[in-house]
Amino acid sequence: QVQLVESGGGLVQAGGSLRLSCAASGRSLSSNTMGWFRQAPGKEREFVAAIRWSGRSTSYADSVKGRFTISRDNPKNTVALQMNSLKPEDTAVYYCAVKVLALYGDYDRRSYTYWGQGTQVTVSS
């Protein structure tokens, strides 16, 4: 069984930065795509970013492109999300996830089987 634990969330002013981390345990995830999703109150959980096993291929939602950077450290079994130039609309609970199913795209939450408990990010204006 895979456990994912996110950390690094908090309250920040607009224009500020936060770095989220996700630590995985239970098995090595070095061959899996890892993703970050977020869910704001009253909204669907949405894709933020994903990174393939090698770390060389990444994808981002249009809303965060150029501001967020996803990275991974396979020996440490961790994935991170550096968030810069934060906006109030980035406020949400952020989840890391492990992609297991190859049927759907990296942006599709149906691809992801294991999820963390989430970490709250609040951006004040």
N, C-alpha and C. Protein backbone atom coordinates (compact mmCIF):
# COMPACT_ATOMS: atom_id res chain seq x y z
N GLN A 1 0.84 -1.19 0.00
CA GLN A 1 0.00 0.00 0.00
C GLN A 1 0.88 1.24 0.00
N VAL A 2 0.49 2.21 -0.79
CA VAL A 2 1.25 3.45 -0.91
C VAL A 2 0.63 4.51 0.00
N GLN A 3 1.48 5.19 0.76
CA GLN A 3 1.03 6.34 1.54
C GLN A 3 1.72 7.58 1.01
N LEU A 4 0.95 8.65 0.89
CA LEU A 4 1.46 9.93 0.43
C LEU A 4 1.15 10.98 1.49
N VAL A 5 2.15 11.76 1.83
CA VAL A 5 1.96 12.81 2.84
C VAL A 5 2.46 14.13 2.28
N GLU A 6 1.54 15.08 2.14
CA GLU A 6 1.90 16.41 1.65
C GLU A 6 2.25 17.32 2.81
N SER A 7 3.08 18.30 2.53
CA SER A 7 3.43 19.32 3.52
C SER A 7 3.81 20.60 2.79
N GLY A 8 3.88 21.69 3.54
CA GLY A 8 4.33 22.95 2.97
C GLY A 8 3.25 23.96 2.69
N GLY A 9 2.00 23.59 2.90
CA GLY A 9 0.92 24.54 2.67
C GLY A 9 0.91 25.62 3.74
N GLY A 10 0.08 26.64 3.53
CA GLY A 10 -0.01 27.71 4.50
C GLY A 10 -0.70 28.93 3.93
N LEU A 11 -0.56 30.03 4.65
CA LEU A 11 -1.16 31.30 4.25
C LEU A 11 -0.06 32.21 3.70
N VAL A 12 -0.30 32.78 2.54
CA VAL A 12 0.69 33.66 1.91
C VAL A 12 -0.05 34.79 1.22
N GLN A 13 0.61 35.93 1.10
CA GLN A 13 0.03 37.06 0.39
C GLN A 13 0.16 36.86 -1.12
N ALA A 14 -0.72 37.50 -1.84
CA ALA A 14 -0.64 37.46 -3.30
C ALA A 14 0.74 37.93 -3.75
N GLY A 15 1.29 37.22 -4.73
CA GLY A 15 2.63 37.51 -5.22
C GLY A 15 3.72 36.72 -4.52
N GLY A 16 3.36 36.07 -3.43
CA GLY A 16 4.34 35.29 -2.67
C GLY A 16 4.56 33.90 -3.24
N SER A 17 5.33 33.12 -2.50
CA SER A 17 5.71 31.78 -2.95
C SER A 17 5.51 30.76 -1.83
N LEU A 18 5.27 29.53 -2.25
CA LEU A 18 5.23 28.39 -1.35
C LEU A 18 5.82 27.20 -2.08
N ARG A 19 6.37 26.28 -1.30
CA ARG A 19 6.88 25.04 -1.86
C ARG A 19 6.20 23.87 -1.16
N LEU A 20 5.45 23.11 -1.93
CA LEU A 20 4.79 21.92 -1.41
C LEU A 20 5.68 20.69 -1.64
N SER A 21 5.64 19.79 -0.67
CA SER A 21 6.37 18.54 -0.80
C SER A 21 5.42 17.37 -0.58
N CYS A 22 5.74 16.26 -1.21
CA CYS A 22 4.95 15.05 -1.04
C CYS A 22 5.93 13.90 -0.85
N ALA A 23 5.82 13.23 0.28
CA ALA A 23 6.68 12.09 0.57
C ALA A 23 5.88 10.81 0.44
N ALA A 24 6.42 9.87 -0.30
CA ALA A 24 5.74 8.60 -0.53
C ALA A 24 6.43 7.49 0.23
N SER A 25 5.64 6.56 0.70
CA SER A 25 6.18 5.38 1.37
C SER A 25 5.37 4.17 0.95
N GLY A 26 5.92 3.00 1.19
CA GLY A 26 5.21 1.77 0.86
C GLY A 26 5.82 1.04 -0.31
N ARG A 27 6.29 1.80 -1.28
CA ARG A 27 6.99 1.21 -2.41
C ARG A 27 7.66 2.32 -3.20
N SER A 28 8.61 1.95 -4.03
CA SER A 28 9.27 2.93 -4.87
C SER A 28 8.31 3.39 -5.98
N LEU A 29 8.29 4.68 -6.21
CA LEU A 29 7.42 5.24 -7.24
C LEU A 29 8.24 5.80 -8.40
N SER A 30 9.48 5.35 -8.51
CA SER A 30 10.38 5.92 -9.51
C SER A 30 9.93 5.63 -10.93
N SER A 31 9.03 4.67 -11.14
CA SER A 31 8.57 4.36 -12.49
C SER A 31 7.19 4.93 -12.77
N ASN A 32 6.61 5.65 -11.82
CA ASN A 32 5.26 6.20 -11.97
C ASN A 32 5.27 7.69 -12.24
N THR A 33 4.32 8.11 -13.05
CA THR A 33 4.04 9.54 -13.16
C THR A 33 3.42 10.02 -11.85
N MET A 34 3.85 11.18 -11.39
CA MET A 34 3.30 11.79 -10.18
C MET A 34 2.59 13.07 -10.57
N GLY A 35 1.53 13.39 -9.85
CA GLY A 35 0.78 14.58 -10.18
C GLY A 35 0.38 15.38 -8.96
N TRP A 36 0.07 16.65 -9.21
CA TRP A 36 -0.53 17.52 -8.20
C TRP A 36 -1.89 17.97 -8.73
N PHE A 37 -2.87 17.93 -7.85
CA PHE A 37 -4.21 18.41 -8.15
C PHE A 37 -4.61 19.37 -7.03
N ARG A 38 -5.67 20.13 -7.28
CA ARG A 38 -6.16 21.01 -6.23
C ARG A 38 -7.68 21.08 -6.28
N GLN A 39 -8.25 21.41 -5.14
CA GLN A 39 -9.71 21.52 -5.05
C GLN A 39 -10.06 22.70 -4.18
N ALA A 40 -10.75 23.66 -4.80
CA ALA A 40 -11.25 24.83 -4.09
C ALA A 40 -12.67 24.53 -3.59
N PRO A 41 -13.12 25.24 -2.57
CA PRO A 41 -14.47 24.99 -2.03
C PRO A 41 -15.53 25.10 -3.11
N GLY A 42 -16.39 24.11 -3.19
CA GLY A 42 -17.47 24.13 -4.14
C GLY A 42 -17.09 23.82 -5.57
N LYS A 43 -15.83 23.45 -5.79
CA LYS A 43 -15.37 23.16 -7.15
C LYS A 43 -14.86 21.74 -7.26
N GLU A 44 -14.75 21.29 -8.52
CA GLU A 44 -14.21 19.97 -8.79
C GLU A 44 -12.69 19.97 -8.54
N ARG A 45 -12.17 18.81 -8.23
CA ARG A 45 -10.72 18.67 -8.13
C ARG A 45 -10.13 18.81 -9.53
N GLU A 46 -9.11 19.65 -9.66
CA GLU A 46 -8.56 19.93 -10.98
C GLU A 46 -7.06 19.67 -11.04
N PHE A 47 -6.63 19.34 -12.24
CA PHE A 47 -5.22 19.07 -12.50
C PHE A 47 -4.39 20.34 -12.35
N VAL A 48 -3.20 20.19 -11.76
CA VAL A 48 -2.26 21.31 -11.65
C VAL A 48 -1.00 21.02 -12.44
N ALA A 49 -0.36 19.89 -12.15
CA ALA A 49 0.91 19.56 -12.82
C ALA A 49 1.18 18.07 -12.69
N ALA A 50 2.01 17.56 -13.61
CA ALA A 50 2.41 16.16 -13.56
C ALA A 50 3.85 16.04 -14.04
N ILE A 51 4.51 14.99 -13.57
CA ILE A 51 5.90 14.76 -13.96
C ILE A 51 6.09 13.27 -14.20
N ARG A 52 6.69 12.94 -15.33
CA ARG A 52 6.93 11.55 -15.69
C ARG A 52 8.07 10.97 -14.84
N TRP A 53 8.28 9.67 -14.97
CA TRP A 53 9.21 8.97 -14.08
C TRP A 53 10.62 9.52 -14.14
N SER A 54 11.09 9.95 -15.34
CA SER A 54 12.46 10.42 -15.49
C SER A 54 12.67 11.82 -14.95
N GLY A 55 11.56 12.55 -14.80
CA GLY A 55 11.66 13.94 -14.39
C GLY A 55 11.88 14.90 -15.55
N ARG A 56 12.09 14.36 -16.73
CA ARG A 56 12.39 15.23 -17.88
C ARG A 56 11.13 15.70 -18.60
N SER A 57 10.01 15.04 -18.37
CA SER A 57 8.76 15.41 -19.02
C SER A 57 7.76 15.90 -17.99
N THR A 58 7.31 17.13 -18.16
CA THR A 58 6.35 17.71 -17.23
C THR A 58 5.18 18.31 -18.00
N SER A 59 4.06 18.48 -17.33
CA SER A 59 2.90 19.14 -17.93
C SER A 59 2.22 19.99 -16.86
N TYR A 60 1.57 21.06 -17.31
CA TYR A 60 0.96 22.00 -16.38
C TYR A 60 -0.41 22.44 -16.89
N ALA A 61 -1.27 22.78 -15.95
CA ALA A 61 -2.52 23.45 -16.32
C ALA A 61 -2.17 24.84 -16.82
N ASP A 62 -2.96 25.34 -17.75
CA ASP A 62 -2.70 26.67 -18.32
C ASP A 62 -2.69 27.73 -17.22
N SER A 63 -3.50 27.55 -16.22
CA SER A 63 -3.65 28.56 -15.18
C SER A 63 -2.40 28.72 -14.31
N VAL A 64 -1.50 27.73 -14.33
CA VAL A 64 -0.31 27.81 -13.48
C VAL A 64 0.99 27.82 -14.29
N LYS A 65 0.87 27.64 -15.58
CA LYS A 65 2.06 27.57 -16.43
C LYS A 65 2.89 28.85 -16.30
N GLY A 66 4.18 28.67 -16.10
CA GLY A 66 5.07 29.82 -15.94
C GLY A 66 5.21 30.29 -14.51
N ARG A 67 4.35 29.81 -13.62
CA ARG A 67 4.41 30.21 -12.21
C ARG A 67 4.76 29.04 -11.30
N PHE A 68 4.32 27.84 -11.66
CA PHE A 68 4.55 26.65 -10.84
C PHE A 68 5.57 25.75 -11.53
N THR A 69 6.35 25.05 -10.71
CA THR A 69 7.31 24.08 -11.23
C THR A 69 7.23 22.80 -10.42
N ILE A 70 7.04 21.70 -11.12
CA ILE A 70 7.00 20.39 -10.46
C ILE A 70 8.36 19.71 -10.62
N SER A 71 8.79 19.01 -9.60
CA SER A 71 10.05 18.29 -9.65
C SER A 71 9.95 17.03 -8.81
N ARG A 72 10.88 16.12 -8.98
CA ARG A 72 10.86 14.89 -8.20
C ARG A 72 12.27 14.46 -7.86
N ASP A 73 12.37 13.69 -6.79
CA ASP A 73 13.64 13.11 -6.37
C ASP A 73 13.37 11.62 -6.18
N ASN A 74 13.71 10.82 -7.17
CA ASN A 74 13.36 9.41 -7.13
C ASN A 74 14.04 8.64 -6.00
N PRO A 75 15.32 8.85 -5.75
CA PRO A 75 15.93 8.13 -4.61
C PRO A 75 15.24 8.41 -3.28
N LYS A 76 14.71 9.63 -3.13
CA LYS A 76 14.04 9.99 -1.88
C LYS A 76 12.53 9.72 -1.93
N ASN A 77 12.04 9.33 -3.11
CA ASN A 77 10.61 9.04 -3.26
C ASN A 77 9.75 10.25 -2.93
N THR A 78 10.16 11.41 -3.42
CA THR A 78 9.43 12.64 -3.14
C THR A 78 9.12 13.40 -4.42
N VAL A 79 8.11 14.22 -4.37
CA VAL A 79 7.77 15.12 -5.47
C VAL A 79 7.44 16.48 -4.84
N ALA A 80 7.81 17.54 -5.53
CA ALA A 80 7.62 18.88 -5.00
C ALA A 80 6.89 19.76 -6.01
N LEU A 81 6.28 20.82 -5.50
CA LEU A 81 5.62 21.80 -6.35
C LEU A 81 6.04 23.18 -5.85
N GLN A 82 6.87 23.85 -6.62
CA GLN A 82 7.27 25.21 -6.30
C GLN A 82 6.25 26.15 -6.91
N MET A 83 5.64 26.99 -6.06
CA MET A 83 4.58 27.88 -6.52
C MET A 83 5.02 29.32 -6.31
N ASN A 84 5.17 30.04 -7.40
CA ASN A 84 5.57 31.45 -7.35
C ASN A 84 4.44 32.33 -7.86
N SER A 85 4.56 33.63 -7.58
CA SER A 85 3.57 34.60 -8.06
C SER A 85 2.15 34.13 -7.76
N LEU A 86 1.94 33.72 -6.54
CA LEU A 86 0.64 33.16 -6.16
C LEU A 86 -0.47 34.20 -6.24
N LYS A 87 -1.65 33.72 -6.62
CA LYS A 87 -2.83 34.55 -6.77
C LYS A 87 -3.93 34.05 -5.83
N PRO A 88 -4.87 34.91 -5.47
CA PRO A 88 -5.97 34.44 -4.61
C PRO A 88 -6.71 33.25 -5.21
N GLU A 89 -6.80 33.18 -6.51
CA GLU A 89 -7.50 32.06 -7.15
C GLU A 89 -6.74 30.75 -7.07
N ASP A 90 -5.51 30.78 -6.55
CA ASP A 90 -4.77 29.54 -6.31
C ASP A 90 -5.15 28.91 -4.97
N THR A 91 -5.98 29.59 -4.21
CA THR A 91 -6.41 29.06 -2.91
C THR A 91 -7.18 27.76 -3.10
N ALA A 92 -6.72 26.72 -2.42
CA ALA A 92 -7.33 25.39 -2.55
C ALA A 92 -6.61 24.42 -1.63
N VAL A 93 -7.16 23.24 -1.53
CA VAL A 93 -6.43 22.12 -0.93
C VAL A 93 -5.67 21.43 -2.06
N TYR A 94 -4.40 21.24 -1.86
CA TYR A 94 -3.54 20.64 -2.87
C TYR A 94 -3.23 19.19 -2.51
N TYR A 95 -3.36 18.32 -3.51
CA TYR A 95 -3.16 16.89 -3.32
C TYR A 95 -2.08 16.37 -4.26
N CYS A 96 -1.22 15.51 -3.76
CA CYS A 96 -0.33 14.79 -4.66
C CYS A 96 -0.93 13.41 -4.92
N ALA A 97 -0.57 12.84 -6.05
CA ALA A 97 -1.18 11.59 -6.45
C ALA A 97 -0.23 10.78 -7.31
N VAL A 98 -0.46 9.48 -7.34
CA VAL A 98 0.35 8.56 -8.13
C VAL A 98 -0.48 8.01 -9.28
N LYS A 99 0.04 8.16 -10.48
CA LYS A 99 -0.67 7.64 -11.65
C LYS A 99 -0.36 6.16 -11.81
N VAL A 100 -1.43 5.36 -11.91
CA VAL A 100 -1.26 3.92 -12.10
C VAL A 100 -1.84 3.48 -13.43
N LEU A 101 -2.98 4.04 -13.81
CA LEU A 101 -3.66 3.62 -15.02
C LEU A 101 -3.13 4.37 -16.23
N ALA A 102 -2.81 3.65 -17.27
CA ALA A 102 -2.28 4.27 -18.49
C ALA A 102 -3.38 4.64 -19.47
N LEU A 103 -4.62 4.31 -19.14
CA LEU A 103 -5.72 4.52 -20.08
C LEU A 103 -6.01 5.99 -20.32
N TYR A 104 -5.82 6.81 -19.29
CA TYR A 104 -6.16 8.23 -19.39
C TYR A 104 -4.90 9.08 -19.34
N GLY A 105 -5.07 10.34 -19.69
CA GLY A 105 -3.92 11.24 -19.73
C GLY A 105 -3.43 11.65 -18.36
N ASP A 106 -2.25 12.26 -18.36
CA ASP A 106 -1.64 12.69 -17.09
C ASP A 106 -2.49 13.74 -16.38
N TYR A 107 -3.31 14.44 -17.12
CA TYR A 107 -4.13 15.52 -16.56
C TYR A 107 -5.45 15.01 -15.97
N ASP A 108 -5.75 13.73 -16.22
CA ASP A 108 -7.04 13.16 -15.87
C ASP A 108 -6.96 12.47 -14.50
N ARG A 109 -7.75 12.90 -13.55
CA ARG A 109 -7.65 12.35 -12.20
C ARG A 109 -8.02 10.87 -12.15
N ARG A 110 -8.71 10.36 -13.16
CA ARG A 110 -9.05 8.94 -13.19
C ARG A 110 -7.80 8.06 -13.35
N SER A 111 -6.72 8.67 -13.81
CA SER A 111 -5.47 7.91 -13.97
C SER A 111 -4.79 7.61 -12.65
N TYR A 112 -5.15 8.35 -11.62
CA TYR A 112 -4.42 8.33 -10.36
C TYR A 112 -5.13 7.47 -9.32
N THR A 113 -4.39 6.55 -8.76
CA THR A 113 -4.97 5.60 -7.82
C THR A 113 -4.70 5.97 -6.36
N TYR A 114 -3.52 6.47 -6.09
CA TYR A 114 -3.14 6.80 -4.71
C TYR A 114 -3.11 8.31 -4.53
N TRP A 115 -3.69 8.77 -3.42
CA TRP A 115 -3.81 10.19 -3.13
C TRP A 115 -3.36 10.48 -1.71
N GLY A 116 -2.77 11.66 -1.53
CA GLY A 116 -2.46 12.12 -0.19
C GLY A 116 -3.69 12.73 0.46
N GLN A 117 -3.51 13.21 1.69
CA GLN A 117 -4.63 13.76 2.45
C GLN A 117 -4.87 15.23 2.12
N GLY A 118 -3.92 15.84 1.44
CA GLY A 118 -4.06 17.23 1.03
C GLY A 118 -3.44 18.21 2.00
N THR A 119 -3.05 19.35 1.47
CA THR A 119 -2.51 20.45 2.28
C THR A 119 -3.14 21.75 1.81
N GLN A 120 -3.55 22.58 2.77
CA GLN A 120 -4.29 23.81 2.44
C GLN A 120 -3.32 24.91 2.03
N VAL A 121 -3.64 25.55 0.93
CA VAL A 121 -2.93 26.75 0.49
C VAL A 121 -3.94 27.88 0.42
N THR A 122 -3.65 28.96 1.12
CA THR A 122 -4.53 30.12 1.13
C THR A 122 -3.73 31.34 0.72
N VAL A 123 -4.20 32.02 -0.32
CA VAL A 123 -3.52 33.21 -0.83
C VAL A 123 -4.42 34.41 -0.57
N SER A 124 -3.94 35.34 0.21
CA SER A 124 -4.72 36.53 0.52
C SER A 124 -4.41 37.66 -0.45
N SER A 125 -5.42 38.47 -0.69
CA SER A 125 -5.23 39.58 -1.65
C SER A 125 -4.75 40.85 -0.95
